[in-house]
Amino acid sequence: PVLTSEPSIYSRVLRPADKFLIFASDGLWEH
């Protein structure tokens, strides 16, 4: 296989300083 479907996974207990999350496709991050 040239590509893989194994995800990178991250977890954390949310902290008081964590205010919001942005989930976006790369079309946003290009700009």
Full PDB file with SEQRES, HELIX, SHEET, SSBOND, CRYST1, ORIGX, SCALE, CONECT and MASTER records, all heavy atoms in Angstrom:
SEQRES   1 A   31  PRO VAL LEU THR SER GLU PRO SER ILE TYR SER ARG VAL          
SEQRES   2 A   31  LEU ARG PRO ALA ASP LYS PHE LEU ILE PHE ALA SER ASP          
SEQRES   3 A   31  GLY LEU TRP GLU HIS                                          
HELIX    1 AA1 ASP A   26  TRP A   29  1                                   4    
CRYST1    1.000    1.000    1.000  90.00  90.00  90.00 P 1           1          
ORIGX1      1.000000  0.000000  0.000000        0.00000                         
ORIGX2      0.000000  1.000000  0.000000        0.00000                         
ORIGX3      0.000000  0.000000  1.000000        0.00000                         
SCALE1      1.000000  0.000000  0.000000        0.00000                         
SCALE2      0.000000  1.000000  0.000000        0.00000                         
SCALE3      0.000000  0.000000  1.000000        0.00000                         
ATOM      1  N   PRO A   1       0.822  -1.217   0.000  1.00  0.00           N  
ATOM      2  CA  PRO A   1       0.000   0.000   0.000  1.00  0.00           C  
ATOM      3  C   PRO A   1       0.857   1.269   0.000  1.00  0.00           C  
ATOM      4  O   PRO A   1       1.826   1.376   0.763  1.00  0.00           O  
ATOM      5  CB  PRO A   1      -0.816  -0.113   1.287  1.00  0.00           C  
ATOM      6  CG  PRO A   1      -0.864  -1.584   1.567  1.00  0.00           C  
ATOM      7  CD  PRO A   1       0.449  -2.130   1.099  1.00  0.00           C  
ATOM      8  N   VAL A   2       0.501   2.197  -0.866  1.00  0.00           N  
ATOM      9  CA  VAL A   2       1.196   3.488  -0.935  1.00  0.00           C  
ATOM     10  C   VAL A   2       0.587   4.458   0.078  1.00  0.00           C  
ATOM     11  O   VAL A   2       1.283   5.264   0.681  1.00  0.00           O  
ATOM     12  CB  VAL A   2       1.107   4.061  -2.365  1.00  0.00           C  
ATOM     13  CG1 VAL A   2       1.691   5.463  -2.432  1.00  0.00           C  
ATOM     14  CG2 VAL A   2       1.822   3.140  -3.350  1.00  0.00           C  
ATOM     15  N   LEU A   3      -0.733   4.390   0.255  1.00  0.00           N  
ATOM     16  CA  LEU A   3      -1.432   5.196   1.260  1.00  0.00           C  
ATOM     17  C   LEU A   3      -1.897   4.288   2.389  1.00  0.00           C  
ATOM     18  O   LEU A   3      -2.006   3.072   2.223  1.00  0.00           O  
ATOM     19  CB  LEU A   3      -2.652   5.905   0.658  1.00  0.00           C  
ATOM     20  CG  LEU A   3      -2.461   6.792  -0.566  1.00  0.00           C  
ATOM     21  CD1 LEU A   3      -3.745   7.556  -0.855  1.00  0.00           C  
ATOM     22  CD2 LEU A   3      -1.305   7.745  -0.395  1.00  0.00           C  
ATOM     23  N   THR A   4      -2.228   4.885   3.517  1.00  0.00           N  
ATOM     24  CA  THR A   4      -2.747   4.130   4.654  1.00  0.00           C  
ATOM     25  C   THR A   4      -4.034   4.766   5.164  1.00  0.00           C  
ATOM     26  O   THR A   4      -4.282   5.954   4.941  1.00  0.00           O  
ATOM     27  CB  THR A   4      -1.703   4.062   5.797  1.00  0.00           C  
ATOM     28  OG1 THR A   4      -2.261   3.391   6.919  1.00  0.00           O  
ATOM     29  CG2 THR A   4      -1.301   5.466   6.242  1.00  0.00           C  
ATOM     30  N   SER A   5      -4.827   3.966   5.849  1.00  0.00           N  
ATOM     31  CA  SER A   5      -6.044   4.486   6.483  1.00  0.00           C  
ATOM     32  C   SER A   5      -5.909   4.488   8.004  1.00  0.00           C  
ATOM     33  O   SER A   5      -6.902   4.579   8.722  1.00  0.00           O  
ATOM     34  CB  SER A   5      -7.259   3.637   6.075  1.00  0.00           C  
ATOM     35  OG  SER A   5      -7.088   2.298   6.495  1.00  0.00           O  
ATOM     36  N   GLU A   6      -4.680   4.399   8.494  1.00  0.00           N  
ATOM     37  CA  GLU A   6      -4.442   4.421   9.938  1.00  0.00           C  
ATOM     38  C   GLU A   6      -4.450   5.860  10.428  1.00  0.00           C  
ATOM     39  O   GLU A   6      -3.595   6.665  10.061  1.00  0.00           O  
ATOM     40  CB  GLU A   6      -3.085   3.775  10.259  1.00  0.00           C  
ATOM     41  CG  GLU A   6      -2.720   3.757  11.733  1.00  0.00           C  
ATOM     42  CD  GLU A   6      -3.596   2.846  12.573  1.00  0.00           C  
ATOM     43  OE1 GLU A   6      -4.187   1.903  12.020  1.00  0.00           O  
ATOM     44  OE2 GLU A   6      -3.691   3.085  13.794  1.00  0.00           O  
ATOM     45  N   PRO A   7      -5.422   6.239  11.273  1.00  0.00           N  
ATOM     46  CA  PRO A   7      -5.519   7.649  11.686  1.00  0.00           C  
ATOM     47  C   PRO A   7      -4.500   8.020  12.761  1.00  0.00           C  
ATOM     48  O   PRO A   7      -4.040   7.176  13.532  1.00  0.00           O  
ATOM     49  CB  PRO A   7      -6.948   7.742  12.246  1.00  0.00           C  
ATOM     50  CG  PRO A   7      -7.220   6.368  12.770  1.00  0.00           C  
ATOM     51  CD  PRO A   7      -6.499   5.419  11.845  1.00  0.00           C  
ATOM     52  N   SER A   8      -4.172   9.300  12.784  1.00  0.00           N  
ATOM     53  CA  SER A   8      -3.487   9.865  13.945  1.00  0.00           C  
ATOM     54  C   SER A   8      -4.573  10.203  14.971  1.00  0.00           C  
ATOM     55  O   SER A   8      -5.584  10.818  14.622  1.00  0.00           O  
ATOM     56  CB  SER A   8      -2.737  11.146  13.573  1.00  0.00           C  
ATOM     57  OG  SER A   8      -1.694  10.863  12.668  1.00  0.00           O  
ATOM     58  N   ILE A   9      -4.363   9.799  16.223  1.00  0.00           N  
ATOM     59  CA  ILE A   9      -5.387  10.001  17.253  1.00  0.00           C  
ATOM     60  C   ILE A   9      -4.790  10.770  18.432  1.00  0.00           C  
ATOM     61  O   ILE A   9      -3.638  10.534  18.824  1.00  0.00           O  
ATOM     62  CB  ILE A   9      -5.979   8.653  17.714  1.00  0.00           C  
ATOM     63  CG1 ILE A   9      -6.702   7.977  16.545  1.00  0.00           C  
ATOM     64  CG2 ILE A   9      -6.923   8.846  18.893  1.00  0.00           C  
ATOM     65  CD1 ILE A   9      -7.437   6.712  16.892  1.00  0.00           C  
ATOM     66  N   TYR A  10      -5.571  11.690  18.927  1.00  0.00           N  
ATOM     67  CA  TYR A  10      -5.149  12.550  20.033  1.00  0.00           C  
ATOM     68  C   TYR A  10      -6.305  12.646  21.020  1.00  0.00           C  
ATOM     69  O   TYR A  10      -7.464  12.712  20.622  1.00  0.00           O  
ATOM     70  CB  TYR A  10      -4.806  13.947  19.485  1.00  0.00           C  
ATOM     71  CG  TYR A  10      -4.533  14.985  20.547  1.00  0.00           C  
ATOM     72  CD1 TYR A  10      -3.248  15.173  21.048  1.00  0.00           C  
ATOM     73  CD2 TYR A  10      -5.556  15.788  21.039  1.00  0.00           C  
ATOM     74  CE1 TYR A  10      -2.983  16.129  22.011  1.00  0.00           C  
ATOM     75  CE2 TYR A  10      -5.301  16.752  22.011  1.00  0.00           C  
ATOM     76  CZ  TYR A  10      -4.018  16.911  22.495  1.00  0.00           C  
ATOM     77  OH  TYR A  10      -3.776  17.854  23.455  1.00  0.00           O  
ATOM     78  N   SER A  11      -5.977  12.663  22.312  1.00  0.00           N  
ATOM     79  CA  SER A  11      -7.029  12.860  23.310  1.00  0.00           C  
ATOM     80  C   SER A  11      -6.497  13.708  24.459  1.00  0.00           C  
ATOM     81  O   SER A  11      -5.291  13.747  24.714  1.00  0.00           O  
ATOM     82  CB  SER A  11      -7.548  11.517  23.841  1.00  0.00           C  
ATOM     83  OG  SER A  11      -6.518  10.802  24.505  1.00  0.00           O  
ATOM     84  N   ARG A  12      -7.406  14.410  25.105  1.00  0.00           N  
ATOM     85  CA  ARG A  12      -7.049  15.196  26.287  1.00  0.00           C  
ATOM     86  C   ARG A  12      -8.296  15.481  27.105  1.00  0.00           C  
ATOM     87  O   ARG A  12      -9.390  15.629  26.555  1.00  0.00           O  
ATOM     88  CB  ARG A  12      -6.370  16.507  25.902  1.00  0.00           C  
ATOM     89  CG  ARG A  12      -7.326  17.570  25.404  1.00  0.00           C  
ATOM     90  CD  ARG A  12      -6.612  18.684  24.668  1.00  0.00           C  
ATOM     91  NE  ARG A  12      -6.308  19.855  25.461  1.00  0.00           N  
ATOM     92  CZ  ARG A  12      -5.538  20.846  25.013  1.00  0.00           C  
ATOM     93  NH1 ARG A  12      -4.991  20.776  23.802  1.00  0.00           N  
ATOM     94  NH2 ARG A  12      -5.309  21.899  25.754  1.00  0.00           N  
ATOM     95  N   VAL A  13      -8.115  15.565  28.415  1.00  0.00           N  
ATOM     96  CA  VAL A  13      -9.179  16.058  29.278  1.00  0.00           C  
ATOM     97  C   VAL A  13      -9.228  17.573  29.077  1.00  0.00           C  
ATOM     98  O   VAL A  13      -8.197  18.247  29.153  1.00  0.00           O  
ATOM     99  CB  VAL A  13      -8.903  15.708  30.751  1.00  0.00           C  
ATOM    100  CG1 VAL A  13      -9.959  16.344  31.649  1.00  0.00           C  
ATOM    101  CG2 VAL A  13      -8.860  14.192  30.939  1.00  0.00           C  
ATOM    102  N   LEU A  14     -10.409  18.098  28.768  1.00  0.00           N  
ATOM    103  CA  LEU A  14     -10.527  19.530  28.501  1.00  0.00           C  
ATOM    104  C   LEU A  14     -10.204  20.345  29.743  1.00  0.00           C  
ATOM    105  O   LEU A  14     -10.621  20.011  30.854  1.00  0.00           O  
ATOM    106  CB  LEU A  14     -11.935  19.847  27.991  1.00  0.00           C  
ATOM    107  CG  LEU A  14     -12.223  19.338  26.572  1.00  0.00           C  
ATOM    108  CD1 LEU A  14     -13.703  19.475  26.245  1.00  0.00           C  
ATOM    109  CD2 LEU A  14     -11.381  20.078  25.537  1.00  0.00           C  
ATOM    110  N   ARG A  15      -9.447  21.419  29.543  1.00  0.00           N  
ATOM    111  CA  ARG A  15      -8.963  22.251  30.633  1.00  0.00           C  
ATOM    112  C   ARG A  15      -9.749  23.559  30.664  1.00  0.00           C  
ATOM    113  O   ARG A  15     -10.295  23.989  29.645  1.00  0.00           O  
ATOM    114  CB  ARG A  15      -7.471  22.542  30.421  1.00  0.00           C  
ATOM    115  CG  ARG A  15      -6.646  21.289  30.166  1.00  0.00           C  
ATOM    116  CD  ARG A  15      -5.358  21.598  29.423  1.00  0.00           C  
ATOM    117  NE  ARG A  15      -4.702  20.370  28.965  1.00  0.00           N  
ATOM    118  CZ  ARG A  15      -3.692  20.351  28.104  1.00  0.00           C  
ATOM    119  NH1 ARG A  15      -3.237  21.481  27.589  1.00  0.00           N  
ATOM    120  NH2 ARG A  15      -3.141  19.201  27.738  1.00  0.00           N  
ATOM    121  N   PRO A  16      -9.756  24.232  31.804  1.00  0.00           N  
ATOM    122  CA  PRO A  16     -10.486  25.509  31.888  1.00  0.00           C  
ATOM    123  C   PRO A  16     -10.028  26.535  30.855  1.00  0.00           C  
ATOM    124  O   PRO A  16     -10.811  27.373  30.422  1.00  0.00           O  
ATOM    125  CB  PRO A  16     -10.192  25.979  33.322  1.00  0.00           C  
ATOM    126  CG  PRO A  16      -9.932  24.721  34.076  1.00  0.00           C  
ATOM    127  CD  PRO A  16      -9.249  23.798  33.121  1.00  0.00           C  
ATOM    128  N   ALA A  17      -8.766  26.467  30.442  1.00  0.00           N  
ATOM    129  CA  ALA A  17      -8.248  27.436  29.463  1.00  0.00           C  
ATOM    130  C   ALA A  17      -8.685  27.122  28.042  1.00  0.00           C  
ATOM    131  O   ALA A  17      -8.532  27.959  27.149  1.00  0.00           O  
ATOM    132  CB  ALA A  17      -6.724  27.487  29.537  1.00  0.00           C  
ATOM    133  N   ASP A  18      -9.221  25.917  27.791  1.00  0.00           N  
ATOM    134  CA  ASP A  18      -9.656  25.529  26.448  1.00  0.00           C  
ATOM    135  C   ASP A  18     -11.012  26.167  26.162  1.00  0.00           C  
ATOM    136  O   ASP A  18     -12.012  25.830  26.796  1.00  0.00           O  
ATOM    137  CB  ASP A  18      -9.771  24.007  26.340  1.00  0.00           C  
ATOM    138  CG  ASP A  18      -8.442  23.302  26.574  1.00  0.00           C  
ATOM    139  OD1 ASP A  18      -7.388  23.950  26.383  1.00  0.00           O  
ATOM    140  OD2 ASP A  18      -8.452  22.115  26.944  1.00  0.00           O  
ATOM    141  N   LYS A  19     -11.067  27.075  25.200  1.00  0.00           N  
ATOM    142  CA  LYS A  19     -12.269  27.876  24.977  1.00  0.00           C  
ATOM    143  C   LYS A  19     -13.096  27.430  23.778  1.00  0.00           C  
ATOM    144  O   LYS A  19     -14.320  27.534  23.793  1.00  0.00           O  
ATOM    145  CB  LYS A  19     -11.893  29.351  24.809  1.00  0.00           C  
ATOM    146  CG  LYS A  19     -11.210  29.952  26.037  1.00  0.00           C  
ATOM    147  CD  LYS A  19     -12.099  29.811  27.268  1.00  0.00           C  
ATOM    148  CE  LYS A  19     -11.440  30.357  28.519  1.00  0.00           C  
ATOM    149  NZ  LYS A  19     -12.269  30.124  29.714  1.00  0.00           N  
ATOM    150  N   PHE A  20     -12.466  26.956  22.719  1.00  0.00           N  
ATOM    151  CA  PHE A  20     -13.227  26.539  21.533  1.00  0.00           C  
ATOM    152  C   PHE A  20     -12.340  25.697  20.618  1.00  0.00           C  
ATOM    153  O   PHE A  20     -11.108  25.694  20.745  1.00  0.00           O  
ATOM    154  CB  PHE A  20     -13.772  27.749  20.757  1.00  0.00           C  
ATOM    155  CG  PHE A  20     -12.731  28.761  20.378  1.00  0.00           C  
ATOM    156  CD1 PHE A  20     -11.941  28.596  19.244  1.00  0.00           C  
ATOM    157  CD2 PHE A  20     -12.523  29.890  21.162  1.00  0.00           C  
ATOM    158  CE1 PHE A  20     -10.965  29.526  18.905  1.00  0.00           C  
ATOM    159  CE2 PHE A  20     -11.552  30.832  20.826  1.00  0.00           C  
ATOM    160  CZ  PHE A  20     -10.773  30.640  19.691  1.00  0.00           C  
ATOM    161  N   LEU A  21     -12.994  24.986  19.718  1.00  0.00           N  
ATOM    162  CA  LEU A  21     -12.320  24.142  18.732  1.00  0.00           C  
ATOM    163  C   LEU A  21     -12.748  24.567  17.334  1.00  0.00           C  
ATOM    164  O   LEU A  21     -13.908  24.908  17.107  1.00  0.00           O  
ATOM    165  CB  LEU A  21     -12.693  22.673  18.940  1.00  0.00           C  
ATOM    166  CG  LEU A  21     -12.254  22.036  20.251  1.00  0.00           C  
ATOM    167  CD1 LEU A  21     -13.267  20.982  20.687  1.00  0.00           C  
ATOM    168  CD2 LEU A  21     -10.881  21.400  20.099  1.00  0.00           C  
ATOM    169  N   ILE A  22     -11.809  24.531  16.398  1.00  0.00           N  
ATOM    170  CA  ILE A  22     -12.125  24.765  14.988  1.00  0.00           C  
ATOM    171  C   ILE A  22     -11.777  23.495  14.219  1.00  0.00           C  
ATOM    172  O   ILE A  22     -10.625  23.048  14.231  1.00  0.00           O  
ATOM    173  CB  ILE A  22     -11.322  25.945  14.405  1.00  0.00           C  
ATOM    174  CG1 ILE A  22     -11.520  27.213  15.233  1.00  0.00           C  
ATOM    175  CG2 ILE A  22     -11.722  26.181  12.945  1.00  0.00           C  
ATOM    176  CD1 ILE A  22     -10.600  28.364  14.818  1.00  0.00           C  
ATOM    177  N   PHE A  23     -12.781  22.912  13.585  1.00  0.00           N  
ATOM    178  CA  PHE A  23     -12.578  21.776  12.684  1.00  0.00           C  
ATOM    179  C   PHE A  23     -12.807  22.298  11.265  1.00  0.00           C  
ATOM    180  O   PHE A  23     -13.877  22.853  10.983  1.00  0.00           O  
ATOM    181  CB  PHE A  23     -13.576  20.653  12.973  1.00  0.00           C  
ATOM    182  CG  PHE A  23     -13.423  19.997  14.317  1.00  0.00           C  
ATOM    183  CD1 PHE A  23     -14.027  20.527  15.449  1.00  0.00           C  
ATOM    184  CD2 PHE A  23     -12.676  18.843  14.451  1.00  0.00           C  
ATOM    185  CE1 PHE A  23     -13.893  19.924  16.690  1.00  0.00           C  
ATOM    186  CE2 PHE A  23     -12.529  18.218  15.686  1.00  0.00           C  
ATOM    187  CZ  PHE A  23     -13.141  18.763  16.807  1.00  0.00           C  
ATOM    188  N   ALA A  24     -11.834  22.113  10.370  1.00  0.00           N  
ATOM    189  CA  ALA A  24     -12.003  22.670   9.023  1.00  0.00           C  
ATOM    190  C   ALA A  24     -11.215  21.871   8.001  1.00  0.00           C  
ATOM    191  O   ALA A  24     -10.135  21.338   8.291  1.00  0.00           O  
ATOM    192  CB  ALA A  24     -11.574  24.137   8.983  1.00  0.00           C  
ATOM    193  N   SER A  25     -11.756  21.817   6.789  1.00  0.00           N  
ATOM    194  CA  SER A  25     -11.043  21.213   5.676  1.00  0.00           C  
ATOM    195  C   SER A  25      -9.910  22.134   5.240  1.00  0.00           C  
ATOM    196  O   SER A  25      -9.853  23.310   5.626  1.00  0.00           O  
ATOM    197  CB  SER A  25     -12.003  20.939   4.510  1.00  0.00           C  
ATOM    198  OG  SER A  25     -12.690  22.118   4.130  1.00  0.00           O  
ATOM    199  N   ASP A  26      -8.985  21.620   4.432  1.00  0.00           N  
ATOM    200  CA  ASP A  26      -7.787  22.389   4.108  1.00  0.00           C  
ATOM    201  C   ASP A  26      -8.083  23.631   3.285  1.00  0.00           C  
ATOM    202  O   ASP A  26      -7.239  24.527   3.194  1.00  0.00           O  
ATOM    203  CB  ASP A  26      -6.760  21.508   3.391  1.00  0.00           C  
ATOM    204  CG  ASP A  26      -7.181  21.151   1.973  1.00  0.00           C  
ATOM    205  OD1 ASP A  26      -8.352  20.766   1.768  1.00  0.00           O  
ATOM    206  OD2 ASP A  26      -6.344  21.248   1.059  1.00  0.00           O  
ATOM    207  N   GLY A  27      -9.302  23.717   2.719  1.00  0.00           N  
ATOM    208  CA  GLY A  27      -9.673  24.914   1.979  1.00  0.00           C  
ATOM    209  C   GLY A  27      -9.607  26.171   2.834  1.00  0.00           C  
ATOM    210  O   GLY A  27      -9.330  27.265   2.320  1.00  0.00           O  
ATOM    211  N   LEU A  28      -9.844  26.049   4.146  1.00  0.00           N  
ATOM    212  CA  LEU A  28      -9.713  27.205   5.043  1.00  0.00           C  
ATOM    213  C   LEU A  28      -8.245  27.498   5.319  1.00  0.00           C  
ATOM    214  O   LEU A  28      -7.798  28.644   5.245  1.00  0.00           O  
ATOM    215  CB  LEU A  28     -10.437  26.950   6.369  1.00  0.00           C  
ATOM    216  CG  LEU A  28     -10.303  28.101   7.386  1.00  0.00           C  
ATOM    217  CD1 LEU A  28     -11.198  29.267   6.986  1.00  0.00           C  
ATOM    218  CD2 LEU A  28     -10.618  27.646   8.799  1.00  0.00           C  
ATOM    219  N   TRP A  29      -7.478  26.435   5.613  1.00  0.00           N  
ATOM    220  CA  TRP A  29      -6.096  26.626   6.072  1.00  0.00           C  
ATOM    221  C   TRP A  29      -5.170  27.061   4.941  1.00  0.00           C  
ATOM    222  O   TRP A  29      -4.046  27.514   5.213  1.00  0.00           O  
ATOM    223  CB  TRP A  29      -5.603  25.344   6.738  1.00  0.00           C  
ATOM    224  CG  TRP A  29      -6.550  24.867   7.803  1.00  0.00           C  
ATOM    225  CD1 TRP A  29      -7.280  23.723   7.786  1.00  0.00           C  
ATOM    226  CD2 TRP A  29      -6.896  25.546   9.026  1.00  0.00           C  
ATOM    227  NE1 TRP A  29      -8.061  23.627   8.915  1.00  0.00           N  
ATOM    228  CE2 TRP A  29      -7.843  24.739   9.690  1.00  0.00           C  
ATOM    229  CE3 TRP A  29      -6.503  26.753   9.611  1.00  0.00           C  
ATOM    230  CZ2 TRP A  29      -8.389  25.101  10.915  1.00  0.00           C  
ATOM    231  CZ3 TRP A  29      -7.052  27.110  10.833  1.00  0.00           C  
ATOM    232  CH2 TRP A  29      -7.978  26.288  11.472  1.00  0.00           C  
ATOM    233  N   GLU A  30      -5.614  26.956   3.695  1.00  0.00           N  
ATOM    234  CA  GLU A  30      -4.843  27.493   2.580  1.00  0.00           C  
ATOM    235  C   GLU A  30      -4.761  29.020   2.654  1.00  0.00           C  
ATOM    236  O   GLU A  30      -3.838  29.624   2.095  1.00  0.00           O  
ATOM    237  CB  GLU A  30      -5.493  27.107   1.248  1.00  0.00           C  
ATOM    238  CG  GLU A  30      -5.296  25.655   0.837  1.00  0.00           C  
ATOM    239  CD  GLU A  30      -6.054  25.330  -0.438  1.00  0.00           C  
ATOM    240  OE1 GLU A  30      -6.480  26.274  -1.130  1.00  0.00           O  
ATOM    241  OE2 GLU A  30      -6.218  24.139  -0.742  1.00  0.00           O  
ATOM    242  N   HIS A  31      -5.741  29.632   3.326  1.00  0.00           N  
ATOM    243  CA  HIS A  31      -5.852  31.093   3.305  1.00  0.00           C  
ATOM    244  C   HIS A  31      -5.733  31.745   4.678  1.00  0.00           C  
ATOM    245  O   HIS A  31      -5.717  32.967   4.774  1.00  0.00           O  
ATOM    246  CB  HIS A  31      -7.189  31.492   2.671  1.00  0.00           C  
ATOM    247  CG  HIS A  31      -7.370  30.954   1.290  1.00  0.00           C  
ATOM    248  ND1 HIS A  31      -6.614  31.365   0.228  1.00  0.00           N  
ATOM    249  CD2 HIS A  31      -8.219  30.002   0.809  1.00  0.00           C  
ATOM    250  CE1 HIS A  31      -6.996  30.710  -0.869  1.00  0.00           C  
ATOM    251  NE2 HIS A  31      -7.961  29.885  -0.533  1.00  0.00           N  
TER     252      HIS A  31                                                      
MASTER        0    0    0    1    0    0    0    6  251    1    0    3          
END                                                                             
